[in-house]
Amino acid sequence: MTQDVVRGASRAGRSPAGWTEPTEDHGAQRVSERARRPTINDIARLARVSKKTVSRVINRSPLVREDTRERINAVIEETGFVPDPTARGLAFRRAFLIGMIYDNPTPQYVVNMQQGLLDGMRDSDYELVVHPCNRASPDFVTDVRNFVERQKLFGVVLPPSVSEDDRLPPILRENDCAYIRIASVALDEPDVMVVTNDHVGAAAAARHLLALGHRRIAHISGLMTFRSAHERRRGFSEALAAQGVKLTSKNVLEGAYTFESGIECAKVLLARSPRPTAIFAGNDEMAAGVLVAARQAGVSIPHDLSVVGYDDFQIAERVWPPLTTIHTPTREIGRIAADQLIRSTGDAHGIRYDSQAILPTLVVRESSGPAPAE
């Protein structure tokens, strides 16, 4: 607010915080509505703090004492101050946008992740921009760079398998763009990682099938260009080996994390003699494909064949029989990623979430049962 407005207000009212409201006297009507609005500088002066401290309160930074935060919020409420996202973006030379850059063949994963990110961004000034891409394209890195520079992003969230590309972090740092990588294992510093521990979930699937008496067990993995596919296969095979059961190469096929690839791989496995009594699919889409292939082959589930999926997306409860699967809290992971990214605003460091806090868990339904008698 300009000093001219204050001096021209002959009957100005004064709030407890010392904010002077201009009246219509002495030509104040000629002052634009925008000029009469309190600015961040006004809030800093009235609250007796620096402009940077006000900015931290606006951005919900944890690096502000509670009594200082309450004093600033009281001034903001009394003056009716509303942060201007455009002005803030210009001040920081950065838009208040968070990008989600993904290349994932599972639509439900993308939807669940977006919902989680929006959960984490609620009550903030940040907006979500999604950017699908093709990691296999020779223009992939250039495409990501152009997206970040064009949108002037504050930060990005990188879910698998984009998160696994080590060419991206240097580009993001070069553009002063904060980032969070979501991956099955730690690939970076804890401040910028959310680890999903996929090997733990796969091991739980193996132990479940072993407890049911299965020994002829097969696995349909996801694309081996995905780190998650490696981690799920590793966790599954190691848990089997711990109980003296070997996952042979004959009983491991690579799918594409798609429903159609689940059908095709299951057809191959069910045509073998002896056929497996249990199949662990690398995600629910492929597991649903296994159910279709089994029905086409006249194989009863779970009496002749047990099927276990991974993810616990909506499809797991909508197929018949409902899938036994590994629950991954995808939406919660998205919320954590957004919260961690936003909390890195200013001088604050992202909260280091204990990787053990995000653990996949077994959900038993009707698609798994005791191994058939020999």
Protein backbone atom coordinates (compact mmCIF):
# COMPACT_ATOMS: atom_id res chain seq x y z
CA MET A 1 0.00 0.00 0.00
CA THR A 2 1.41 3.43 -0.90
CA GLN A 3 1.98 6.23 1.61
CA ASP A 4 -0.22 8.53 -0.54
CA VAL A 5 -3.23 6.36 0.23
CA VAL A 6 -2.53 6.46 3.98
CA ARG A 7 -2.12 10.25 4.02
CA GLY A 8 -5.22 10.80 1.91
CA ALA A 9 -7.49 8.86 4.22
CA SER A 10 -8.91 11.47 6.60
CA ARG A 11 -11.29 9.08 8.33
CA ALA A 12 -9.21 5.94 8.16
CA GLY A 13 -10.04 3.14 10.56
CA ARG A 14 -7.25 1.34 12.29
CA SER A 15 -7.21 -2.38 13.11
CA PRO A 16 -5.57 -3.83 16.22
CA ALA A 17 -2.55 -4.74 14.07
CA GLY A 18 -2.09 -1.15 12.98
CA TRP A 19 -3.40 -1.61 9.45
CA THR A 20 -4.85 1.62 8.07
CA GLU A 21 -7.93 1.18 5.89
CA PRO A 22 -8.23 3.92 3.24
CA THR A 23 -11.57 5.73 2.93
CA GLU A 24 -13.15 7.36 -0.09
CA ASP A 25 -12.19 10.90 1.08
CA HIS A 26 -9.56 13.12 -0.59
CA GLY A 27 -9.48 11.32 -3.91
CA ALA A 28 -8.96 7.80 -2.59
CA GLN A 29 -11.56 6.61 -5.10
CA ARG A 30 -9.02 7.31 -7.80
CA VAL A 31 -6.63 4.76 -6.32
CA SER A 32 -7.04 1.36 -7.96
CA GLU A 33 -8.38 -1.57 -6.00
CA ARG A 34 -5.09 -3.34 -6.43
CA ALA A 35 -3.12 -0.44 -4.95
CA ARG A 36 -5.26 -0.51 -1.80
CA ARG A 37 -4.58 -4.18 -1.16
CA PRO A 38 -2.03 -5.03 1.54
CA THR A 39 1.24 -6.42 0.23
CA ILE A 40 3.67 -8.91 1.68
CA ASN A 41 5.85 -5.94 2.67
CA ASP A 42 2.95 -4.51 4.69
CA ILE A 43 2.47 -7.82 6.47
CA ALA A 44 6.19 -8.02 7.29
CA ARG A 45 6.18 -4.45 8.68
CA LEU A 46 3.05 -4.92 10.79
CA ALA A 47 4.19 -8.30 12.13
CA ARG A 48 7.71 -6.94 12.75
CA VAL A 49 9.39 -9.74 10.79
CA SER A 50 11.26 -10.05 7.54
CA LYS A 51 9.57 -10.54 4.19
CA LYS A 52 11.26 -13.94 3.98
CA THR A 53 9.63 -15.04 7.24
CA VAL A 54 6.21 -14.04 5.93
CA SER A 55 6.92 -16.01 2.76
CA ARG A 56 7.81 -19.06 4.83
CA VAL A 57 4.51 -18.84 6.72
CA ILE A 58 2.57 -18.49 3.47
CA ASN A 59 4.36 -21.54 2.09
CA ARG A 60 3.83 -23.51 5.32
CA SER A 61 7.52 -23.95 5.97
CA PRO A 62 8.30 -25.76 9.26
CA LEU A 63 11.22 -23.35 9.87
CA VAL A 64 9.13 -20.73 11.70
CA ARG A 65 8.53 -20.53 15.44
CA GLU A 66 4.92 -21.17 16.37
CA ASP A 67 4.43 -17.82 18.14
CA THR A 68 5.82 -15.99 15.11
CA ARG A 69 3.58 -17.99 12.78
CA GLU A 70 0.52 -17.12 14.87
CA ARG A 71 1.40 -13.42 14.89
CA ILE A 72 1.84 -13.31 11.12
CA ASN A 73 -1.36 -15.25 10.50
CA ALA A 74 -3.23 -12.85 12.77
CA VAL A 75 -2.02 -9.89 10.72
CA ILE A 76 -2.91 -11.67 7.48
CA GLU A 77 -6.43 -12.33 8.75
CA GLU A 78 -6.95 -8.78 10.05
CA THR A 79 -5.75 -7.12 6.86
CA GLY A 80 -7.44 -9.52 4.47
CA PHE A 81 -4.13 -10.15 2.73
CA VAL A 82 -4.31 -12.68 -0.13
CA PRO A 83 -1.04 -13.94 -1.67
CA ASP A 84 -0.82 -13.30 -5.39
CA PRO A 85 0.42 -16.52 -7.05
CA THR A 86 1.45 -14.61 -10.18
CA ALA A 87 3.47 -12.09 -8.22
CA ARG A 88 5.04 -14.85 -6.16
CA GLY A 89 5.95 -16.71 -9.32
CA LEU A 90 7.63 -13.63 -10.75
CA ALA A 91 9.45 -12.96 -7.51
CA PHE A 92 10.86 -16.45 -7.41
CA ARG A 93 11.17 -16.67 -11.20
CA ARG A 94 9.26 -19.88 -10.87
CA ALA A 95 5.66 -20.90 -11.49
CA PHE A 96 3.71 -22.50 -8.65
CA LEU A 97 3.36 -25.68 -10.65
CA ILE A 98 4.34 -29.24 -9.81
CA GLY A 99 4.79 -31.63 -12.70
CA MET A 100 4.19 -35.37 -12.77
CA ILE A 101 6.30 -36.91 -15.52
CA TYR A 102 5.38 -40.51 -16.24
CA ASP A 103 5.74 -43.40 -18.64
CA ASN A 104 3.62 -46.17 -17.15
CA PRO A 105 1.51 -48.78 -18.96
CA THR A 106 -0.95 -49.14 -16.05
CA PRO A 107 -3.66 -46.44 -16.24
CA GLN A 108 -4.91 -47.08 -12.71
CA TYR A 109 -1.45 -46.44 -11.28
CA VAL A 110 -1.38 -43.07 -13.02
CA VAL A 111 -4.85 -42.16 -11.69
CA ASN A 112 -4.07 -43.25 -8.12
CA MET A 113 -0.77 -41.37 -8.14
CA GLN A 114 -2.45 -38.18 -9.39
CA GLN A 115 -5.06 -38.43 -6.64
CA GLY A 116 -2.33 -38.80 -4.03
CA LEU A 117 -0.39 -35.83 -5.37
CA LEU A 118 -3.54 -33.70 -5.28
CA ASP A 119 -4.14 -34.84 -1.69
CA GLY A 120 -0.67 -33.62 -0.75
CA MET A 121 -1.13 -30.31 -2.58
CA ARG A 122 -4.51 -29.50 -1.04
CA ASP A 123 -4.59 -26.15 0.83
CA SER A 124 -1.41 -25.06 -0.94
CA ASP A 125 -1.01 -22.64 -3.85
CA TYR A 126 0.50 -25.31 -6.07
CA GLU A 127 -1.21 -26.86 -9.09
CA LEU A 128 -0.50 -30.18 -10.79
CA VAL A 129 0.58 -30.51 -14.42
CA VAL A 130 0.84 -34.03 -15.85
CA HIS A 131 3.22 -34.88 -18.66
CA PRO A 132 3.12 -38.35 -20.27
CA CYS A 133 6.24 -39.32 -22.16
CA ASN A 134 7.99 -42.23 -23.82
CA ARG A 135 11.15 -43.17 -21.98
CA ALA A 136 12.25 -45.32 -24.92
CA SER A 137 12.19 -42.33 -27.30
CA PRO A 138 15.55 -40.85 -28.35
CA ASP A 139 14.03 -37.44 -27.57
CA PHE A 140 13.00 -38.39 -24.04
CA VAL A 141 15.58 -36.33 -22.14
CA THR A 142 15.15 -33.32 -24.43
CA ASP A 143 11.38 -33.57 -24.01
CA VAL A 144 11.66 -33.50 -20.21
CA ARG A 145 14.08 -30.57 -20.29
CA ASN A 146 11.78 -28.57 -22.56
CA PHE A 147 8.75 -29.32 -20.38
CA VAL A 148 10.50 -28.14 -17.20
CA GLU A 149 11.88 -24.99 -18.83
CA ARG A 150 8.67 -24.09 -20.66
CA GLN A 151 6.45 -24.43 -17.59
CA LYS A 152 9.04 -22.94 -15.18
CA LEU A 153 8.13 -25.71 -12.77
CA PHE A 154 8.73 -25.38 -9.05
CA GLY A 155 9.27 -29.13 -8.88
CA VAL A 156 8.47 -32.52 -10.37
CA VAL A 157 7.47 -35.93 -9.09
CA LEU A 158 9.02 -38.83 -10.97
CA PRO A 159 7.19 -42.16 -10.57
CA PRO A 160 8.58 -45.42 -12.00
CA SER A 161 10.01 -46.01 -14.51
CA VAL A 162 10.90 -42.38 -15.25
CA SER A 163 12.33 -42.12 -11.74
CA GLU A 164 14.91 -44.76 -12.60
CA ASP A 165 16.59 -42.64 -15.31
CA ASP A 166 19.74 -41.12 -13.81
CA ARG A 167 20.01 -38.60 -16.65
CA LEU A 168 17.13 -36.53 -15.24
CA PRO A 169 18.35 -35.31 -11.79
CA PRO A 170 21.27 -33.26 -13.24
CA ILE A 171 18.88 -31.58 -15.69
CA LEU A 172 16.43 -30.75 -12.92
CA ARG A 173 19.14 -29.35 -10.65
CA GLU A 174 20.49 -27.30 -13.55
CA ASN A 175 17.04 -25.74 -13.93
CA ASP A 176 16.63 -25.16 -10.17
CA CYS A 177 13.69 -27.55 -10.22
CA ALA A 178 13.04 -29.56 -7.05
CA TYR A 179 12.23 -33.24 -7.52
CA ILE A 180 11.09 -36.40 -5.78
CA ARG A 181 11.87 -39.85 -7.16
CA ILE A 182 9.53 -42.75 -6.39
CA ALA A 183 11.19 -46.12 -6.87
CA SER A 184 11.33 -49.68 -5.56
CA VAL A 185 14.82 -49.09 -4.13
CA ALA A 186 16.82 -46.04 -3.04
CA LEU A 187 18.39 -44.38 -6.09
CA ASP A 188 19.30 -40.98 -4.63
CA GLU A 189 19.64 -39.01 -1.40
CA PRO A 190 16.87 -39.68 1.17
CA ASP A 191 15.54 -36.11 0.87
CA VAL A 192 14.48 -36.73 -2.73
CA MET A 193 13.35 -40.37 -2.51
CA VAL A 194 10.17 -42.24 -1.67
CA VAL A 195 11.03 -45.97 -1.59
CA THR A 196 8.28 -48.54 -2.19
CA ASN A 197 10.19 -51.71 -1.13
CA ASP A 198 8.78 -53.93 -3.89
CA HIS A 199 10.97 -56.91 -2.95
CA VAL A 200 9.21 -57.05 0.43
CA GLY A 201 5.78 -57.43 -1.19
CA ALA A 202 6.98 -60.07 -3.62
CA ALA A 203 8.51 -62.07 -0.77
CA ALA A 204 5.13 -61.99 1.03
CA ALA A 205 3.49 -63.44 -2.10
CA ALA A 206 6.03 -66.28 -2.17
CA ARG A 207 5.55 -67.13 1.49
CA HIS A 208 1.77 -67.16 1.04
CA LEU A 209 1.94 -69.68 -1.80
CA LEU A 210 4.47 -71.85 0.04
CA ALA A 211 2.23 -71.89 3.12
CA LEU A 212 -0.57 -73.21 0.91
CA GLY A 213 1.64 -76.15 -0.13
CA HIS A 214 2.58 -75.00 -3.64
CA ARG A 215 5.90 -76.11 -5.09
CA ARG A 216 5.39 -75.84 -8.86
CA ILE A 217 5.30 -72.07 -8.95
CA ALA A 218 5.66 -69.75 -11.95
CA HIS A 219 6.20 -66.02 -12.26
CA ILE A 220 5.14 -63.52 -14.93
CA SER A 221 7.33 -60.46 -14.49
CA GLY A 222 6.82 -56.95 -15.77
CA LEU A 223 9.04 -55.32 -18.34
CA MET A 224 12.63 -55.82 -17.29
CA THR A 225 13.34 -52.21 -18.27
CA PHE A 226 11.43 -51.41 -15.05
CA ARG A 227 13.43 -51.66 -11.83
CA SER A 228 10.22 -52.77 -10.10
CA ALA A 229 10.16 -55.91 -12.28
CA HIS A 230 13.68 -56.83 -11.14
CA GLU A 231 12.89 -56.15 -7.49
CA ARG A 232 9.65 -58.14 -7.51
CA ARG A 233 11.35 -61.09 -9.20
CA ARG A 234 14.27 -60.89 -6.76
CA GLY A 235 12.07 -60.76 -3.68
CA PHE A 236 9.90 -63.61 -4.94
CA SER A 237 12.76 -65.95 -5.93
CA GLU A 238 14.77 -65.30 -2.75
CA ALA A 239 11.78 -66.06 -0.51
CA LEU A 240 11.17 -69.31 -2.42
CA ALA A 241 14.83 -70.27 -2.20
CA ALA A 242 14.79 -69.70 1.56
CA GLN A 243 12.26 -72.57 1.74
CA GLY A 244 14.18 -74.81 -0.69
CA VAL A 245 12.05 -74.05 -3.78
CA LYS A 246 13.83 -72.89 -6.91
CA LEU A 247 12.19 -70.53 -9.40
CA THR A 248 13.49 -72.03 -12.63
CA SER A 249 14.00 -70.00 -15.81
CA LYS A 250 11.48 -72.30 -17.50
CA ASN A 251 8.78 -70.99 -15.19
CA VAL A 252 9.61 -67.30 -15.54
CA LEU A 253 8.18 -65.27 -18.43
CA GLU A 254 8.42 -61.55 -19.10
CA GLY A 255 5.16 -59.71 -19.63
CA ALA A 256 4.55 -56.04 -20.28
CA TYR A 257 2.50 -55.08 -17.21
CA THR A 258 -0.60 -55.28 -19.44
CA PHE A 259 -3.75 -57.41 -19.36
CA GLU A 260 -3.02 -58.80 -22.83
CA SER A 261 0.51 -59.88 -21.92
CA GLY A 262 -0.87 -61.67 -18.87
CA ILE A 263 -3.14 -63.74 -21.10
CA GLU A 264 -0.37 -64.63 -23.55
CA CYS A 265 2.17 -65.60 -20.88
CA ALA A 266 -0.40 -67.66 -18.95
CA LYS A 267 -1.29 -69.60 -22.10
CA VAL A 268 2.34 -70.66 -22.45
CA LEU A 269 2.65 -71.66 -18.80
CA LEU A 270 -0.64 -73.57 -18.69
CA ALA A 271 0.31 -75.56 -21.80
CA ARG A 272 3.35 -77.04 -20.06
CA SER A 273 3.40 -80.47 -18.48
CA PRO A 274 3.35 -80.56 -15.61
CA ARG A 275 1.77 -77.15 -15.45
CA PRO A 276 2.37 -74.88 -12.44
CA THR A 277 -0.09 -74.97 -9.57
CA ALA A 278 0.47 -71.30 -8.79
CA ILE A 279 1.36 -68.16 -10.76
CA PHE A 280 2.58 -64.89 -9.27
CA ALA A 281 2.00 -62.03 -11.72
CA GLY A 282 4.00 -58.82 -11.45
CA ASN A 283 0.87 -56.66 -11.33
CA ASP A 284 -2.92 -56.99 -11.15
CA GLU A 285 -3.47 -56.28 -14.85
CA MET A 286 -1.41 -59.33 -15.80
CA ALA A 287 -2.97 -61.40 -13.01
CA ALA A 288 -6.41 -60.61 -14.45
CA GLY A 289 -5.12 -61.86 -17.80
CA VAL A 290 -4.06 -65.11 -16.12
CA LEU A 291 -7.62 -65.61 -14.85
CA VAL A 292 -8.97 -65.25 -18.39
CA ALA A 293 -6.41 -67.66 -19.86
CA ALA A 294 -7.17 -70.21 -17.11
CA ARG A 295 -10.89 -70.06 -17.82
CA GLN A 296 -10.26 -70.51 -21.55
CA ALA A 297 -8.10 -73.57 -20.77
CA GLY A 298 -10.68 -75.08 -18.42
CA VAL A 299 -8.42 -74.62 -15.41
CA SER A 300 -10.33 -73.97 -12.18
CA ILE A 301 -9.19 -71.21 -9.84
CA PRO A 302 -8.17 -71.70 -7.08
CA HIS A 303 -8.74 -75.49 -7.09
CA ASP A 304 -6.32 -76.22 -9.95
CA LEU A 305 -4.35 -72.98 -10.02
CA SER A 306 -3.70 -70.21 -7.50
CA VAL A 307 -3.08 -66.70 -8.81
CA VAL A 308 -1.49 -63.77 -6.95
CA GLY A 309 -1.16 -60.25 -8.32
CA TYR A 310 0.56 -57.06 -7.21
CA ASP A 311 -0.67 -53.48 -6.52
CA ASP A 312 -4.21 -54.08 -5.22
CA PHE A 313 -5.78 -51.68 -7.69
CA GLN A 314 -9.55 -51.55 -8.23
CA ILE A 315 -9.44 -54.35 -10.78
CA ALA A 316 -8.37 -56.82 -8.08
CA GLU A 317 -11.82 -56.74 -6.48
CA ARG A 318 -13.76 -56.53 -9.75
CA VAL A 319 -12.58 -59.74 -11.44
CA TRP A 320 -13.79 -63.24 -10.61
CA PRO A 321 -12.59 -64.72 -8.45
CA PRO A 322 -11.30 -61.61 -6.66
CA LEU A 323 -7.53 -61.48 -6.65
CA THR A 324 -5.19 -62.27 -3.84
CA THR A 325 -2.63 -59.52 -4.29
CA ILE A 326 0.02 -57.32 -2.72
CA HIS A 327 -1.34 -53.97 -1.59
CA THR A 328 0.86 -50.97 -2.39
CA PRO A 329 -0.43 -47.65 -1.00
CA THR A 330 0.00 -45.78 -4.28
CA ARG A 331 -2.26 -42.87 -3.37
CA GLU A 332 -0.52 -42.43 -0.01
CA ILE A 333 2.85 -42.58 -1.75
CA GLY A 334 1.72 -39.75 -4.04
CA ARG A 335 0.57 -37.69 -1.05
CA ILE A 336 3.90 -38.18 0.70
CA ALA A 337 5.82 -37.24 -2.45
CA ALA A 338 3.85 -33.98 -2.89
CA ASP A 339 4.15 -33.09 0.80
CA GLN A 340 7.86 -33.78 0.81
CA LEU A 341 8.33 -31.65 -2.31
CA ILE A 342 6.33 -28.68 -1.01
CA ARG A 343 8.12 -28.76 2.33
CA SER A 344 11.41 -28.27 0.51
CA THR A 345 10.31 -24.65 -0.20
CA GLY A 346 12.82 -21.99 0.76
CA ASP A 347 15.62 -23.09 3.06
CA ALA A 348 13.68 -26.03 4.46
CA HIS A 349 14.80 -29.56 3.77
CA GLY A 350 12.38 -32.25 2.72
CA ILE A 351 11.22 -34.53 5.49
CA ARG A 352 13.10 -37.80 5.43
CA TYR A 353 10.45 -40.48 5.46
CA ASP A 354 11.64 -43.79 6.83
CA SER A 355 11.63 -46.16 3.85
CA GLN A 356 10.34 -48.86 6.16
CA ALA A 357 7.17 -46.81 6.69
CA ILE A 358 5.95 -47.68 3.19
CA LEU A 359 5.66 -51.44 3.15
CA PRO A 360 3.50 -53.49 0.75
CA THR A 361 1.21 -56.00 2.42
CA LEU A 362 -0.54 -59.23 1.41
CA VAL A 363 -4.32 -59.13 0.81
CA VAL A 364 -5.83 -62.63 0.63
CA ARG A 365 -8.93 -63.14 -1.53
CA GLU A 366 -10.49 -66.04 -3.44
CA SER A 367 -7.92 -66.52 -6.22
CA SER A 368 -5.48 -68.46 -4.03
CA GLY A 369 -6.00 -71.75 -2.22
CA PRO A 370 -4.28 -74.98 -1.16
CA ALA A 371 -2.15 -76.74 -3.75
CA PRO A 372 -4.05 -79.53 -5.57
CA ALA A 373 -3.31 -83.09 -4.49
CA GLU A 374 -0.76 -84.88 -6.67
